[in-house]
């Protein structure tokens, strides 16, 4: 039997209520098709592995959960369908026991021999994050598929979910990467933004301080006003979710300061700053949640605010180095980067100093945290947009770090109620 409690299924249902079927393709040069159709075609094929990739916040984990829920319904109706198993690789404790740990998380009787000849689709999320979990075994981690002999589980298929650019030849030895089907999730199209807005308004009724209801048209007017500044980010489901969640409270707050006009450039500047603040706080929350899943949660007692401080530290390092994007290799090997991190240490709370220490253990922790941050905070990752990086530096210059730290704890953005794993 599946070992899923009702609260987990309810959570999946709540996420599915806002889910928009997205498109995907092998790469940006290929014609995009509906992801659900492509996954079903994969199940009907002779292929063994599907790689589901995409950029930060594009909806990889949500897509995986939605497919799991739908496939579970199909299996419950007819047990000849594939049995779905869902597992977060970032919670993997033993890199050579992937199958056993996945079965334990999903089944009441986690015996591998009982399902070895059964049709099972293993949905393994967070492949990019597990690469940062154990640096002593990072070569083995890259070939997690071969290390666990997953190709020997005869009737099973595997879906690996990862950020784009992390799956290379050799990661699935003895099979070359070209043998596997790959789908890169594409950002929302304009029409998808409208569909998501329809569902969001229906599920999240909100009123302003004056009692006015936030209708679809009201949201749409602000989206149209913000589109020239945020069109690229609004096509990322995570950012769109944050925007819709915080927009009513931000407009209420700005309206108390001045008569807010949605087409006034100065007023839009204020709104833009508030939205970036919310996005930075939200991503710090995501980083914190992902950290609590990782092996390092046992070593350090951190809070979401610590990840926010760490974001400023990374931004400062990038600024010292004179480049808006810092690679993991820079953090691990570049002597200039190490010196820059020492300069930043005085800006970071004392209890975060292990991130900037030079001892071997501290370096491993630091690069692991940096890896987690790369997987969620686009201040350090988004090569196509430097705006959040510059916004972090502006926050530091304006001495507003304390405001954002407080924002995570109070109801300013009400982020605790927002599930951001999209």
Protein backbone atom coordinates (compact mmCIF):
# COMPACT_ATOMS: atom_id res chain seq x y z
CA UNK A 1 0.00 0.00 0.00
CA UNK A 2 1.03 3.59 -0.57
CA UNK A 3 2.25 5.28 2.59
CA UNK A 4 0.68 8.71 1.98
CA UNK A 5 -1.23 10.51 4.70
CA UNK A 6 -4.35 12.53 3.95
CA UNK A 7 -2.67 15.86 4.72
CA UNK A 8 -0.13 15.27 1.96
CA UNK A 9 -2.84 14.41 -0.57
CA UNK A 10 -4.81 17.49 0.52
CA UNK A 11 -1.73 19.63 0.00
CA UNK A 12 -1.28 18.17 -3.48
CA UNK A 13 -4.94 18.91 -4.25
CA UNK A 14 -4.52 22.52 -3.13
CA UNK A 15 -1.49 22.95 -5.36
CA UNK A 16 -3.25 21.28 -8.29
CA UNK A 17 -6.11 23.74 -7.92
CA UNK A 18 -3.80 26.48 -9.25
CA UNK A 19 -1.84 24.31 -11.65
CA UNK A 20 -1.67 25.36 -15.29
CA UNK A 21 -0.65 22.77 -17.86
CA UNK A 22 2.70 23.95 -19.14
CA UNK A 23 4.65 23.34 -22.30
CA UNK A 24 8.08 21.87 -22.69
CA UNK A 25 10.61 20.91 -25.35
CA UNK A 26 14.00 19.22 -25.61
CA UNK A 27 15.54 22.69 -25.78
CA UNK A 28 14.52 26.22 -26.69
CA UNK A 29 15.06 25.54 -30.39
CA UNK A 30 12.51 22.70 -30.47
CA UNK A 31 8.76 23.05 -30.79
CA UNK A 32 7.11 23.09 -27.35
CA UNK A 33 4.31 20.63 -26.56
CA UNK A 34 2.16 20.00 -23.49
CA UNK A 35 4.26 18.36 -20.77
CA UNK A 36 1.46 16.04 -19.65
CA UNK A 37 1.23 14.59 -23.18
CA UNK A 38 4.99 14.12 -23.37
CA UNK A 39 5.15 12.31 -20.01
CA UNK A 40 2.31 9.99 -21.05
CA UNK A 41 4.13 9.28 -24.32
CA UNK A 42 7.24 8.46 -22.28
CA UNK A 43 5.27 5.93 -20.20
CA UNK A 44 4.05 4.28 -23.40
CA UNK A 45 7.54 4.10 -24.88
CA UNK A 46 10.47 1.72 -24.36
CA UNK A 47 12.55 4.52 -22.82
CA UNK A 48 13.81 4.14 -19.27
CA UNK A 49 14.60 7.68 -18.08
CA UNK A 50 13.02 11.09 -18.53
CA UNK A 51 14.89 14.25 -17.53
CA UNK A 52 12.55 17.12 -16.60
CA UNK A 53 14.49 20.37 -16.37
CA UNK A 54 13.89 24.10 -16.28
CA UNK A 55 14.97 27.42 -14.83
CA UNK A 56 14.50 28.70 -11.30
CA UNK A 57 10.84 29.10 -10.26
CA UNK A 58 9.47 27.75 -13.53
CA UNK A 59 7.37 25.09 -11.81
CA UNK A 60 9.41 21.86 -11.90
CA UNK A 61 8.42 20.53 -8.46
CA UNK A 62 4.78 21.55 -8.88
CA UNK A 63 4.69 19.78 -12.26
CA UNK A 64 6.13 16.64 -10.63
CA UNK A 65 3.56 16.70 -7.82
CA UNK A 66 0.70 17.30 -10.25
CA UNK A 67 1.77 14.37 -12.41
CA UNK A 68 2.13 12.18 -9.30
CA UNK A 69 -1.42 13.03 -8.19
CA UNK A 70 -2.93 12.35 -11.62
CA UNK A 71 -0.97 9.13 -12.08
CA UNK A 72 -2.05 7.95 -8.62
CA UNK A 73 -5.68 8.45 -9.66
CA UNK A 74 -5.07 6.40 -12.82
CA UNK A 75 -3.38 3.64 -10.82
CA UNK A 76 -6.22 3.53 -8.28
CA UNK A 77 -8.68 3.09 -11.14
CA UNK A 78 -6.62 0.40 -12.84
CA UNK A 79 -3.61 -1.28 -11.17
CA UNK A 80 -2.23 -2.19 -14.60
CA UNK A 81 -1.15 1.46 -14.88
CA UNK A 82 2.19 2.62 -13.52
CA UNK A 83 2.38 3.00 -9.75
CA UNK A 84 3.86 6.48 -9.03
CA UNK A 85 6.46 7.04 -6.30
CA UNK A 86 7.53 10.59 -5.40
CA UNK A 87 10.77 11.35 -3.56
CA UNK A 88 12.82 14.47 -2.81
CA UNK A 89 16.46 13.64 -3.44
CA UNK A 90 17.60 16.42 -1.10
CA UNK A 91 16.38 14.29 1.82
CA UNK A 92 18.51 11.33 0.72
CA UNK A 93 20.59 10.12 3.68
CA UNK A 94 22.57 7.34 1.99
CA UNK A 95 23.52 7.98 -1.63
CA UNK A 96 23.71 4.27 -2.42
CA UNK A 97 20.27 3.49 -0.92
CA UNK A 98 18.10 5.66 -3.15
CA UNK A 99 15.58 2.94 -4.02
CA UNK A 100 15.20 1.77 -0.43
CA UNK A 101 14.70 5.28 0.96
CA UNK A 102 12.22 6.18 -1.79
CA UNK A 103 10.19 3.02 -1.11
CA UNK A 104 10.21 3.70 2.63
CA UNK A 105 8.85 7.20 2.05
CA UNK A 106 6.05 5.96 -0.22
CA UNK A 107 5.03 2.44 0.82
CA UNK A 108 3.85 0.79 4.02
CA UNK A 109 5.73 -2.35 2.95
CA UNK A 110 8.95 -0.98 1.40
CA UNK A 111 10.35 -4.19 -0.07
CA UNK A 112 12.24 -3.77 -3.32
CA UNK A 113 11.76 -7.38 -4.42
CA UNK A 114 7.96 -6.91 -4.25
CA UNK A 115 7.94 -4.21 -6.91
CA UNK A 116 10.97 -5.25 -8.97
CA UNK A 117 8.72 -6.77 -11.64
CA UNK A 118 5.87 -4.28 -11.21
CA UNK A 119 5.27 -1.25 -13.41
CA UNK A 120 6.52 1.69 -11.31
CA UNK A 121 7.39 5.27 -12.27
CA UNK A 122 9.87 6.82 -9.84
CA UNK A 123 9.60 10.63 -9.69
CA UNK A 124 12.90 11.89 -8.22
CA UNK A 125 12.88 15.63 -7.54
CA UNK A 126 15.84 17.90 -6.78
CA UNK A 127 18.68 16.13 -8.59
CA UNK A 128 20.57 19.43 -8.79
CA UNK A 129 20.33 19.97 -5.02
CA UNK A 130 21.58 16.51 -4.06
CA UNK A 131 24.83 17.28 -5.91
CA UNK A 132 25.63 19.78 -3.16
CA UNK A 133 24.77 17.48 -0.26
CA UNK A 134 27.96 15.42 0.03
CA UNK A 135 31.14 16.88 -1.42
CA UNK A 136 33.27 13.91 -0.40
CA UNK A 137 31.18 11.76 -2.77
CA UNK A 138 30.32 14.32 -5.43
CA UNK A 139 31.75 12.18 -8.25
CA UNK A 140 29.49 9.30 -7.23
CA UNK A 141 26.55 11.65 -6.75
CA UNK A 142 26.80 12.74 -10.35
CA UNK A 143 26.15 9.14 -11.35
CA UNK A 144 23.39 8.52 -8.82
CA UNK A 145 21.58 6.44 -11.45
CA UNK A 146 24.47 4.02 -12.00
CA UNK A 147 25.54 3.96 -8.34
CA UNK A 148 22.11 2.62 -7.36
CA UNK A 149 21.85 0.24 -10.36
CA UNK A 150 18.48 1.73 -11.24
CA UNK A 151 18.70 0.33 -14.77
CA UNK A 152 18.41 -3.16 -13.20
CA UNK A 153 14.91 -2.51 -11.81
CA UNK A 154 13.32 -4.06 -14.85
CA UNK A 155 9.75 -2.75 -15.17
CA UNK A 156 10.42 0.69 -13.71
CA UNK A 157 10.78 4.08 -15.35
CA UNK A 158 12.52 7.07 -13.77
CA UNK A 159 11.79 10.79 -13.98
CA UNK A 160 14.63 12.98 -12.70
CA UNK A 161 13.77 16.64 -12.00
CA UNK A 162 16.62 19.12 -12.04
CA UNK A 163 17.52 22.67 -12.85
CA UNK A 164 18.65 23.05 -16.44
CA UNK A 165 22.34 22.55 -17.09
CA UNK A 166 23.01 20.00 -14.34
CA UNK A 167 22.57 16.77 -16.29
CA UNK A 168 25.56 15.85 -18.42
CA UNK A 169 27.02 12.80 -20.10
CA UNK A 170 28.40 10.46 -17.46
CA UNK A 171 25.67 11.27 -14.95
CA UNK A 172 23.71 8.19 -16.05
CA UNK A 173 26.52 5.80 -16.90
CA UNK A 174 26.52 3.21 -18.44
CA UNK A 175 23.96 4.98 -20.64
CA UNK A 176 24.82 8.16 -22.58
CA UNK A 177 22.58 11.12 -21.93
CA UNK A 178 21.43 11.09 -25.57
CA UNK A 179 19.53 7.85 -24.91
CA UNK A 180 17.12 9.59 -22.56
CA UNK A 181 14.13 11.76 -23.29
CA UNK A 182 14.58 15.33 -22.09
CA UNK A 183 11.92 17.97 -21.48
CA UNK A 184 12.74 21.53 -20.55
CA UNK A 185 9.76 23.31 -18.96
CA UNK A 186 9.03 26.59 -20.68
CA UNK A 187 7.92 29.77 -18.84
CA UNK A 188 4.28 30.84 -18.97
CA UNK A 189 2.94 32.35 -22.14
CA UNK A 190 0.76 35.48 -21.92
CA UNK A 191 -2.39 33.37 -22.03
CA UNK A 192 -1.09 31.15 -19.20
CA UNK A 193 -0.72 34.19 -16.95
CA UNK A 194 -4.41 34.97 -17.52
CA UNK A 195 -5.45 31.37 -16.79
CA UNK A 196 -3.41 31.33 -13.60
CA UNK A 197 -4.99 34.63 -12.53
CA UNK A 198 -8.49 33.18 -13.08
CA UNK A 199 -7.75 30.25 -10.77
CA UNK A 200 -5.96 32.38 -8.19
CA UNK A 201 -8.80 34.87 -7.80
CA UNK A 202 -11.35 32.04 -7.50
CA UNK A 203 -9.35 30.34 -4.73
CA UNK A 204 -8.01 33.42 -2.91
CA UNK A 205 -10.67 36.12 -2.45
CA UNK A 206 -9.14 39.32 -1.10
CA UNK A 207 -10.31 42.76 -0.08
CA UNK A 208 -8.49 46.05 0.30
CA UNK A 209 -8.48 48.00 3.56
CA UNK A 210 -11.36 50.06 2.16
CA UNK A 211 -13.43 46.92 1.59
CA UNK A 212 -13.05 46.81 -2.19
CA UNK A 213 -12.85 43.28 -3.61
CA UNK A 214 -9.76 42.41 -5.62
CA UNK A 215 -11.37 41.18 -8.81
CA UNK A 216 -9.64 39.66 -11.79
CA UNK A 217 -9.96 42.99 -13.62
CA UNK A 218 -8.29 44.85 -10.76
CA UNK A 219 -5.35 42.47 -10.70
CA UNK A 220 -5.16 42.63 -14.48
CA UNK A 221 -4.90 46.43 -14.51
CA UNK A 222 -1.87 46.31 -12.25
CA UNK A 223 -0.35 43.42 -14.20
CA UNK A 224 -0.69 45.44 -17.42
CA UNK A 225 0.92 48.46 -15.75
CA UNK A 226 3.80 46.33 -14.43
CA UNK A 227 4.20 44.19 -17.55
CA UNK A 228 6.92 46.35 -19.21
CA UNK A 229 9.03 46.05 -16.06
CA UNK A 230 8.23 42.48 -14.99
CA UNK A 231 7.07 40.57 -18.08
CA UNK A 232 9.99 38.14 -17.97
CA UNK A 233 9.51 37.41 -14.27
CA UNK A 234 5.72 37.16 -14.47
CA UNK A 235 6.24 34.23 -16.79
CA UNK A 236 7.85 32.37 -13.88
CA UNK A 237 5.08 30.75 -11.80
CA UNK A 238 6.86 31.33 -8.49
CA UNK A 239 7.30 35.06 -9.00
CA UNK A 240 3.74 35.41 -10.33
CA UNK A 241 2.44 33.63 -7.24
CA UNK A 242 4.36 35.98 -4.94
CA UNK A 243 3.20 39.02 -6.90
CA UNK A 244 -0.50 38.11 -6.70
CA UNK A 245 -0.15 37.18 -3.04
CA UNK A 246 1.43 40.43 -1.87
CA UNK A 247 -0.01 42.97 -4.35
CA UNK A 248 -3.20 43.87 -2.38
CA UNK A 249 -1.32 44.52 0.88
CA UNK A 250 1.40 46.51 -0.90
CA UNK A 251 -1.15 48.70 -2.68
CA UNK A 252 -2.97 49.29 0.63
CA UNK A 253 0.28 50.33 2.25
CA UNK A 254 1.35 52.63 -0.60
CA UNK A 255 -2.13 54.19 -0.76
CA UNK A 256 -1.73 55.31 2.86
CA UNK A 257 1.47 57.14 1.93
CA UNK A 258 0.11 58.92 -1.16
CA UNK A 259 -2.72 58.79 -3.66
CA UNK A 260 -1.46 55.82 -5.62
CA UNK A 261 -1.70 56.01 -9.42
CA UNK A 262 -0.83 52.80 -11.20
CA UNK A 263 0.57 54.61 -14.24
CA UNK A 264 2.64 57.18 -12.34
CA UNK A 265 6.32 56.26 -12.93
CA UNK A 266 7.36 57.36 -9.42
CA UNK A 267 4.59 55.30 -7.86
CA UNK A 268 5.50 52.32 -10.02
CA UNK A 269 9.09 52.68 -8.81
CA UNK A 270 7.86 52.30 -5.23
CA UNK A 271 5.71 49.31 -6.20
CA UNK A 272 8.63 47.73 -8.04
CA UNK A 273 10.84 48.05 -4.95
CA UNK A 274 8.19 46.47 -2.72
CA UNK A 275 7.71 43.57 -5.14
CA UNK A 276 11.44 42.90 -5.31
CA UNK A 277 11.56 43.01 -1.50
CA UNK A 278 8.80 40.41 -1.36
CA UNK A 279 10.56 38.22 -3.94
CA UNK A 280 13.86 38.34 -2.04
CA UNK A 281 12.10 37.42 1.23
CA UNK A 282 10.13 34.65 -0.46
CA UNK A 283 13.26 33.12 -1.95
CA UNK A 284 14.97 33.26 1.43
CA UNK A 285 12.03 31.24 2.77
CA UNK A 286 12.43 28.72 -0.04
CA UNK A 287 16.16 28.40 0.63
CA UNK A 288 15.47 27.86 4.32
CA UNK A 289 12.85 25.16 3.64
CA UNK A 290 15.19 23.35 1.29
CA UNK A 291 18.02 23.61 3.81
CA UNK A 292 15.88 21.88 6.45
CA UNK A 293 15.64 18.89 4.08
CA UNK A 294 19.39 18.67 3.58
CA UNK A 295 21.94 16.68 5.63
CA UNK A 296 23.40 19.96 6.95
CA UNK A 297 20.27 20.70 8.97
CA UNK A 298 21.80 18.52 11.70
CA UNK A 299 24.99 20.60 11.78
CA UNK A 300 23.72 24.17 11.91
CA UNK A 301 20.77 25.86 13.56
CA UNK A 302 19.62 28.40 11.00
CA UNK A 303 16.54 30.46 10.28
CA UNK A 304 15.12 31.97 7.12
CA UNK A 305 16.59 35.34 8.09
CA UNK A 306 20.06 33.80 7.98
CA UNK A 307 19.59 32.93 4.33
CA UNK A 308 18.55 36.51 3.69
CA UNK A 309 21.73 37.79 5.34
CA UNK A 310 23.66 35.27 3.30
CA UNK A 311 22.08 36.63 0.12
CA UNK A 312 23.46 40.06 0.96
CA UNK A 313 26.84 38.51 1.63
CA UNK A 314 26.84 36.83 -1.77
CA UNK A 315 25.75 40.06 -3.47
CA UNK A 316 28.59 41.91 -1.73
CA UNK A 317 31.11 39.27 -2.83
CA UNK A 318 29.88 39.55 -6.41
CA UNK A 319 30.17 43.34 -6.19
CA UNK A 320 33.74 43.14 -4.86
CA UNK A 321 34.64 40.74 -7.68
CA UNK A 322 33.05 43.08 -10.19
CA UNK A 323 30.60 40.59 -11.66
CA UNK A 324 26.84 40.18 -11.09
CA UNK A 325 26.87 36.37 -11.32
CA UNK A 326 29.03 34.23 -9.04
CA UNK A 327 29.67 30.63 -10.02
CA UNK A 328 30.01 27.78 -7.55
CA UNK A 329 33.55 27.21 -8.85
CA UNK A 330 34.40 30.81 -7.94
CA UNK A 331 33.23 30.27 -4.37
CA UNK A 332 35.10 26.99 -4.04
CA UNK A 333 38.43 27.71 -5.73
CA UNK A 334 39.03 31.38 -6.57
CA UNK A 335 41.46 32.98 -4.10
CA UNK A 336 40.14 36.43 -4.90
CA UNK A 337 36.64 35.18 -4.05
CA UNK A 338 37.90 33.75 -0.75
CA UNK A 339 39.42 37.11 0.15
CA UNK A 340 36.21 38.87 -0.83
CA UNK A 341 34.25 36.54 1.46
CA UNK A 342 36.60 37.47 4.31
CA UNK A 343 35.80 41.13 3.64
CA UNK A 344 32.11 40.33 3.77
CA UNK A 345 32.37 38.45 7.08
CA UNK A 346 32.01 41.65 9.11
CA UNK A 347 28.63 42.26 7.44
CA UNK A 348 27.28 38.85 8.44
CA UNK A 349 25.85 37.93 11.86
CA UNK A 350 28.44 36.15 14.04
CA UNK A 351 26.65 32.81 14.01
CA UNK A 352 26.95 32.69 10.20
CA UNK A 353 30.74 33.00 10.29
CA UNK A 354 31.25 29.26 9.56
CA UNK A 355 30.10 30.03 5.99
CA UNK A 356 33.09 32.33 5.60
CA UNK A 357 35.66 30.34 7.57
CA UNK A 358 38.57 28.78 5.69
CA UNK A 359 38.65 25.39 7.41
CA UNK A 360 37.83 22.38 5.23
CA UNK A 361 34.55 21.58 7.00
CA UNK A 362 33.41 25.19 6.84
CA UNK A 363 34.26 25.43 3.14
CA UNK A 364 32.13 22.34 2.46
CA UNK A 365 29.24 23.82 4.44
CA UNK A 366 29.61 27.17 2.73
CA UNK A 367 29.65 25.75 -0.79
CA UNK A 368 26.73 23.48 0.07
CA UNK A 369 24.69 26.42 1.36
CA UNK A 370 25.71 28.38 -1.71
CA UNK A 371 24.48 25.51 -3.86
CA UNK A 372 21.13 25.54 -2.08
CA UNK A 373 20.95 29.27 -2.52
CA UNK A 374 21.71 28.95 -6.20
CA UNK A 375 18.75 26.60 -6.53
CA UNK A 376 16.28 29.15 -5.15
CA UNK A 377 17.55 32.72 -4.98
CA UNK A 378 17.83 34.11 -8.48
CA UNK A 379 19.95 36.97 -7.14
CA UNK A 380 22.86 34.57 -7.57
CA UNK A 381 21.62 32.50 -10.45
CA UNK A 382 19.56 34.30 -13.06
CA UNK A 383 22.00 34.96 -15.87
CA UNK A 384 19.41 36.79 -17.97
CA UNK A 385 18.44 39.34 -15.35
CA UNK A 386 20.73 41.19 -12.94
CA UNK A 387 17.97 43.29 -11.38
CA UNK A 388 17.66 41.41 -8.08
CA UNK A 389 21.42 41.49 -7.61
CA UNK A 390 21.39 45.27 -7.99
CA UNK A 391 18.33 45.46 -5.74
CA UNK A 392 20.19 43.62 -2.97
CA UNK A 393 23.05 46.11 -3.19
CA UNK A 394 20.58 49.00 -3.09
CA UNK A 395 18.91 47.56 0.02
CA UNK A 396 22.29 47.37 1.71
CA UNK A 397 23.16 50.94 0.66
CA UNK A 398 19.81 52.22 1.97
CA UNK A 399 20.33 50.28 5.22
CA UNK A 400 17.01 48.43 4.84
CA UNK A 401 18.28 44.91 5.65
CA UNK A 402 16.56 44.99 9.02
CA UNK A 403 13.21 45.75 7.38
CA UNK A 404 13.38 42.66 5.23
CA UNK A 405 14.46 40.45 8.11
CA UNK A 406 11.40 41.67 10.03
CA UNK A 407 9.22 41.11 6.96
CA UNK A 408 9.90 37.37 7.07
CA UNK A 409 8.65 37.11 10.65
CA UNK A 410 5.60 39.37 10.60
CA UNK A 411 2.55 39.53 8.36
CA UNK A 412 3.97 42.17 6.04
CA UNK A 413 4.05 39.71 3.16
CA UNK A 414 2.24 36.87 4.93
CA UNK A 415 4.72 34.45 3.38
CA UNK A 416 4.17 31.69 5.93
CA UNK A 417 0.84 30.87 4.26
CA UNK A 418 2.34 30.78 0.78
CA UNK A 419 3.59 27.45 -0.59
CA UNK A 420 6.42 28.47 -2.88
CA UNK A 421 7.62 25.09 -4.09
CA UNK A 422 6.59 25.74 -7.68
